[in-house]
Amino acid sequence: MRRRLLAVFRESGRYEDLLEFLHSTRDALPADDDGGEERRALDDEIVRVLDRGLARSEEAEKLLRRALELKPDNGSYLDSLGWVYFRRGDVEKALDVLERARTISTGEPTINEHLGDVYARHARRKDAASSYQRALESLREDPELAESAGQRAQIEKKLKALDASPP
């Protein structure tokens, strides 16, 4: 039921309603660690909504910084923060944070894809290709790691575009 409601809000572009629903769901979780994994998943979704859906990257950054104070070596949080920086145009900060995220979570395909995107923006083609290849390798080894159904195809497309562009 909850997943369907999330999809309805997202597909209809009702991001404020989605954000309110996510916050109320998270706030209803037990205060002890029993809801820890679910709370992290909800926090990740809140960050996505703030950054991508509502273009409120400052709020997303604040939430991520708070999360990183509690778990400074969380690769997922670092990836999200790096991606916020990248979408904001701060490629240097994004590069620093995403490289740290990959050091912590080496086999995470989304981190490698994001790092590949940053390297591509920096015209570091070899590094970009290597990151995309790592992401694809991780997805081949464990398809469950995919962030979306089309992630693998999307990465392959980026890799081909990189090969086709002039050096």
Foldseek 3Di string as FASTA:
>chain_A
DVVVVLVVCVVVLVLVVNLVVLVVVLVPDDPDCPCVVVNVVSLLVNLCSCCPSVVNLVVSLVSLVVVCVVVVLALSSLQSNLVSCVVVPNLVSSLVSLVSSCVSVVQQLSSLQSNLVSCVVVVVLVSSLVSLVSSLVSCVVPVVSDPDPCPNVVSVVVNVVSVPDDD
